[in-house]
Amino acid sequence: MKQWRHPGGKLLALGADKLTDAELLAILISIGIKNKSAEKIAEELLNRVC
């Protein structure tokens, strides 16, 4: 399976139904912070609330 650098590319290629909740949230977050990607931030947020 192809590795994506950002879930936005995966969204365009495969559609929203193929993304995880963390990947979808990462797209909304857009960019990360120093040493932490948007996807990592999204995963941490989901782990706190789920």
PDB file of N, CA and C in Angstrom:
ATOM      1  N   MET A   1       0.841  -1.181   0.000  1.00  0.00           N
ATOM      2  CA  MET A   1       0.000   0.000   0.000  1.00  0.00           C
ATOM      3  C   MET A   1       0.887   1.247   0.000  1.00  0.00           C
ATOM      4  N   LYS A   2       0.473   2.241  -0.713  1.00  0.00           N
ATOM      5  CA  LYS A   2       1.245   3.479  -0.830  1.00  0.00           C
ATOM      6  C   LYS A   2       1.287   4.208   0.513  1.00  0.00           C
ATOM      7  N   GLN A   3       2.459   4.749   0.842  1.00  0.00           N
ATOM      8  CA  GLN A   3       2.621   5.579   2.031  1.00  0.00           C
ATOM      9  C   GLN A   3       2.366   7.031   1.637  1.00  0.00           C
ATOM     10  N   TRP A   4       1.543   7.714   2.380  1.00  0.00           N
ATOM     11  CA  TRP A   4       1.195   9.101   2.100  1.00  0.00           C
ATOM     12  C   TRP A   4       1.957  10.014   3.043  1.00  0.00           C
ATOM     13  N   ARG A   5       2.432  11.147   2.537  1.00  0.00           N
ATOM     14  CA  ARG A   5       3.115  12.134   3.384  1.00  0.00           C
ATOM     15  C   ARG A   5       2.112  12.941   4.184  1.00  0.00           C
ATOM     16  N   HIS A   6       0.931  13.138   3.648  1.00  0.00           N
ATOM     17  CA  HIS A   6      -0.136  13.865   4.333  1.00  0.00           C
ATOM     18  C   HIS A   6      -1.450  13.224   3.914  1.00  0.00           C
ATOM     19  N   PRO A   7      -2.398  13.117   4.824  1.00  0.00           N
ATOM     20  CA  PRO A   7      -3.647  12.443   4.474  1.00  0.00           C
ATOM     21  C   PRO A   7      -4.469  13.134   3.386  1.00  0.00           C
ATOM     22  N   GLY A   8      -4.162  14.386   3.062  1.00  0.00           N
ATOM     23  CA  GLY A   8      -4.886  15.072   1.991  1.00  0.00           C
ATOM     24  C   GLY A   8      -4.707  14.378   0.647  1.00  0.00           C
ATOM     25  N   GLY A   9      -3.518  13.866   0.393  1.00  0.00           N
ATOM     26  CA  GLY A   9      -3.271  13.120  -0.843  1.00  0.00           C
ATOM     27  C   GLY A   9      -4.051  11.826  -0.878  1.00  0.00           C
ATOM     28  N   LYS A  10      -4.114  11.168   0.250  1.00  0.00           N
ATOM     29  CA  LYS A  10      -4.888   9.929   0.357  1.00  0.00           C
ATOM     30  C   LYS A  10      -6.378  10.220   0.157  1.00  0.00           C
ATOM     31  N   LEU A  11      -6.850  11.320   0.720  1.00  0.00           N
ATOM     32  CA  LEU A  11      -8.245  11.724   0.556  1.00  0.00           C
ATOM     33  C   LEU A  11      -8.582  11.917  -0.912  1.00  0.00           C
ATOM     34  N   LEU A  12      -7.731  12.646  -1.624  1.00  0.00           N
ATOM     35  CA  LEU A  12      -7.980  12.899  -3.044  1.00  0.00           C
ATOM     36  C   LEU A  12      -7.937  11.613  -3.877  1.00  0.00           C
ATOM     37  N   ALA A  13      -7.030  10.728  -3.553  1.00  0.00           N
ATOM     38  CA  ALA A  13      -6.858   9.511  -4.346  1.00  0.00           C
ATOM     39  C   ALA A  13      -7.884   8.437  -4.032  1.00  0.00           C
ATOM     40  N   LEU A  14      -8.243   8.291  -2.753  1.00  0.00           N
ATOM     41  CA  LEU A  14      -9.068   7.144  -2.352  1.00  0.00           C
ATOM     42  C   LEU A  14     -10.455   7.505  -1.836  1.00  0.00           C
ATOM     43  N   GLY A  15     -10.641   8.738  -1.379  1.00  0.00           N
ATOM     44  CA  GLY A  15     -11.928   9.152  -0.834  1.00  0.00           C
ATOM     45  C   GLY A  15     -11.938   9.121   0.686  1.00  0.00           C
ATOM     46  N   ALA A  16     -12.853   9.890   1.261  1.00  0.00           N
ATOM     47  CA  ALA A  16     -12.924  10.058   2.716  1.00  0.00           C
ATOM     48  C   ALA A  16     -13.205   8.761   3.457  1.00  0.00           C
ATOM     49  N   ASP A  17     -13.942   7.857   2.834  1.00  0.00           N
ATOM     50  CA  ASP A  17     -14.292   6.610   3.518  1.00  0.00           C
ATOM     51  C   ASP A  17     -13.087   5.701   3.745  1.00  0.00           C
ATOM     52  N   LYS A  18     -11.965   5.984   3.113  1.00  0.00           N
ATOM     53  CA  LYS A  18     -10.755   5.171   3.274  1.00  0.00           C
ATOM     54  C   LYS A  18      -9.796   5.743   4.324  1.00  0.00           C
ATOM     55  N   LEU A  19     -10.134   6.899   4.902  1.00  0.00           N
ATOM     56  CA  LEU A  19      -9.272   7.534   5.893  1.00  0.00           C
ATOM     57  C   LEU A  19      -9.732   7.196   7.305  1.00  0.00           C
ATOM     58  N   THR A  20      -8.766   7.157   8.222  1.00  0.00           N
ATOM     59  CA  THR A  20      -9.094   6.953   9.625  1.00  0.00           C
ATOM     60  C   THR A  20      -9.625   8.260  10.201  1.00  0.00           C
ATOM     61  N   ASP A  21     -10.224   8.181  11.386  1.00  0.00           N
ATOM     62  CA  ASP A  21     -10.680   9.396  12.054  1.00  0.00           C
ATOM     63  C   ASP A  21      -9.515  10.353  12.276  1.00  0.00           C
ATOM     64  N   ALA A  22      -8.359   9.810  12.659  1.00  0.00           N
ATOM     65  CA  ALA A  22      -7.181  10.650  12.893  1.00  0.00           C
ATOM     66  C   ALA A  22      -6.730  11.347  11.615  1.00  0.00           C
ATOM     67  N   GLU A  23      -6.781  10.651  10.487  1.00  0.00           N
ATOM     68  CA  GLU A  23      -6.387  11.260   9.216  1.00  0.00           C
ATOM     69  C   GLU A  23      -7.345  12.373   8.824  1.00  0.00           C
ATOM     70  N   LEU A  24      -8.642  12.172   9.011  1.00  0.00           N
ATOM     71  CA  LEU A  24      -9.624  13.209   8.695  1.00  0.00           C
ATOM     72  C   LEU A  24      -9.439  14.429   9.594  1.00  0.00           C
ATOM     73  N   LEU A  25      -9.208  14.189  10.882  1.00  0.00           N
ATOM     74  CA  LEU A  25      -8.980  15.278  11.811  1.00  0.00           C
ATOM     75  C   LEU A  25      -7.686  16.016  11.472  1.00  0.00           C
ATOM     76  N   ALA A  26      -6.670  15.285  11.041  1.00  0.00           N
ATOM     77  CA  ALA A  26      -5.403  15.899  10.658  1.00  0.00           C
ATOM     78  C   ALA A  26      -5.587  16.865   9.492  1.00  0.00           C
ATOM     79  N   ILE A  27      -6.472  16.530   8.573  1.00  0.00           N
ATOM     80  CA  ILE A  27      -6.752  17.434   7.453  1.00  0.00           C
ATOM     81  C   ILE A  27      -7.373  18.733   7.971  1.00  0.00           C
ATOM     82  N   LEU A  28      -8.261  18.631   8.956  1.00  0.00           N
ATOM     83  CA  LEU A  28      -8.870  19.832   9.532  1.00  0.00           C
ATOM     84  C   LEU A  28      -7.851  20.659  10.304  1.00  0.00           C
ATOM     85  N   ILE A  29      -6.940  19.978  11.002  1.00  0.00           N
ATOM     86  CA  ILE A  29      -5.900  20.679  11.746  1.00  0.00           C
ATOM     87  C   ILE A  29      -4.955  21.374  10.772  1.00  0.00           C
ATOM     88  N   SER A  30      -4.735  20.764   9.639  1.00  0.00           N
ATOM     89  CA  SER A  30      -3.941  21.285   8.531  1.00  0.00           C
ATOM     90  C   SER A  30      -2.448  21.085   8.700  1.00  0.00           C
ATOM     91  N   ILE A  31      -1.811  21.864   9.530  1.00  0.00           N
ATOM     92  CA  ILE A  31      -0.372  21.700   9.713  1.00  0.00           C
ATOM     93  C   ILE A  31      -0.097  21.376  11.165  1.00  0.00           C
ATOM     94  N   GLY A  32       1.022  20.805  11.418  1.00  0.00           N
ATOM     95  CA  GLY A  32       1.391  20.451  12.782  1.00  0.00           C
ATOM     96  C   GLY A  32       2.150  21.577  13.464  1.00  0.00           C
ATOM     97  N   ILE A  33       2.889  21.180  14.458  1.00  0.00           N
ATOM     98  CA  ILE A  33       3.764  22.095  15.167  1.00  0.00           C
ATOM     99  C   ILE A  33       5.170  21.521  15.099  1.00  0.00           C
ATOM    100  N   LYS A  34       6.136  22.241  15.564  1.00  0.00           N
ATOM    101  CA  LYS A  34       7.523  21.777  15.501  1.00  0.00           C
ATOM    102  C   LYS A  34       7.637  20.387  16.129  1.00  0.00           C
ATOM    103  N   ASN A  35       8.173  19.464  15.375  1.00  0.00           N
ATOM    104  CA  ASN A  35       8.416  18.080  15.798  1.00  0.00           C
ATOM    105  C   ASN A  35       7.150  17.252  16.025  1.00  0.00           C
ATOM    106  N   LYS A  36       5.995  17.734  15.548  1.00  0.00           N
ATOM    107  CA  LYS A  36       4.767  16.954  15.702  1.00  0.00           C
ATOM    108  C   LYS A  36       3.852  17.227  14.513  1.00  0.00           C
ATOM    109  N   SER A  37       3.544  16.178  13.766  1.00  0.00           N
ATOM    110  CA  SER A  37       2.699  16.327  12.581  1.00  0.00           C
ATOM    111  C   SER A  37       1.243  16.535  12.975  1.00  0.00           C
ATOM    112  N   ALA A  38       0.468  17.031  12.029  1.00  0.00           N
ATOM    113  CA  ALA A  38      -0.971  17.199  12.255  1.00  0.00           C
ATOM    114  C   ALA A  38      -1.618  15.852  12.566  1.00  0.00           C
ATOM    115  N   GLU A  39      -1.163  14.800  11.894  1.00  0.00           N
ATOM    116  CA  GLU A  39      -1.739  13.483  12.146  1.00  0.00           C
ATOM    117  C   GLU A  39      -1.437  13.004  13.562  1.00  0.00           C
ATOM    118  N   LYS A  40      -0.248  13.267  14.061  1.00  0.00           N
ATOM    119  CA  LYS A  40       0.107  12.885  15.434  1.00  0.00           C
ATOM    120  C   LYS A  40      -0.740  13.663  16.430  1.00  0.00           C
ATOM    121  N   ILE A  41      -0.942  14.951  16.194  1.00  0.00           N
ATOM    122  CA  ILE A  41      -1.796  15.764  17.062  1.00  0.00           C
ATOM    123  C   ILE A  41      -3.215  15.200  17.060  1.00  0.00           C
ATOM    124  N   ALA A  42      -3.722  14.858  15.890  1.00  0.00           N
ATOM    125  CA  ALA A  42      -5.064  14.294  15.766  1.00  0.00           C
ATOM    126  C   ALA A  42      -5.182  12.990  16.542  1.00  0.00           C
ATOM    127  N   GLU A  43      -4.197  12.118  16.423  1.00  0.00           N
ATOM    128  CA  GLU A  43      -4.219  10.848  17.152  1.00  0.00           C
ATOM    129  C   GLU A  43      -4.248  11.089  18.658  1.00  0.00           C
ATOM    130  N   GLU A  44      -3.446  12.035  19.130  1.00  0.00           N
ATOM    131  CA  GLU A  44      -3.408  12.341  20.555  1.00  0.00           C
ATOM    132  C   GLU A  44      -4.753  12.892  21.043  1.00  0.00           C
ATOM    133  N   LEU A  45      -5.369  13.768  20.247  1.00  0.00           N
ATOM    134  CA  LEU A  45      -6.690  14.300  20.602  1.00  0.00           C
ATOM    135  C   LEU A  45      -7.732  13.181  20.683  1.00  0.00           C
ATOM    136  N   LEU A  46      -7.739  12.321  19.702  1.00  0.00           N
ATOM    137  CA  LEU A  46      -8.709  11.223  19.699  1.00  0.00           C
ATOM    138  C   LEU A  46      -8.483  10.277  20.877  1.00  0.00           C
ATOM    139  N   ASN A  47      -7.242  10.032  21.223  1.00  0.00           N
ATOM    140  CA  ASN A  47      -6.953   9.167  22.363  1.00  0.00           C
ATOM    141  C   ASN A  47      -7.444   9.771  23.669  1.00  0.00           C
ATOM    142  N   ARG A  48      -7.443  11.090  23.759  1.00  0.00           N
ATOM    143  CA  ARG A  48      -7.920  11.764  24.977  1.00  0.00           C
ATOM    144  C   ARG A  48      -9.429  11.739  25.115  1.00  0.00           C
ATOM    145  N   VAL A  49     -10.148  11.791  24.007  1.00  0.00           N
ATOM    146  CA  VAL A  49     -11.609  11.893  24.078  1.00  0.00           C
ATOM    147  C   VAL A  49     -12.342  10.586  23.810  1.00  0.00           C
ATOM    148  N   CYS A  50     -11.662   9.608  23.289  1.00  0.00           N
ATOM    149  CA  CYS A  50     -12.332   8.334  22.969  1.00  0.00           C
ATOM    150  C   CYS A  50     -12.016   7.263  23.986  1.00  0.00           C
TER     151      CYS A  50
END
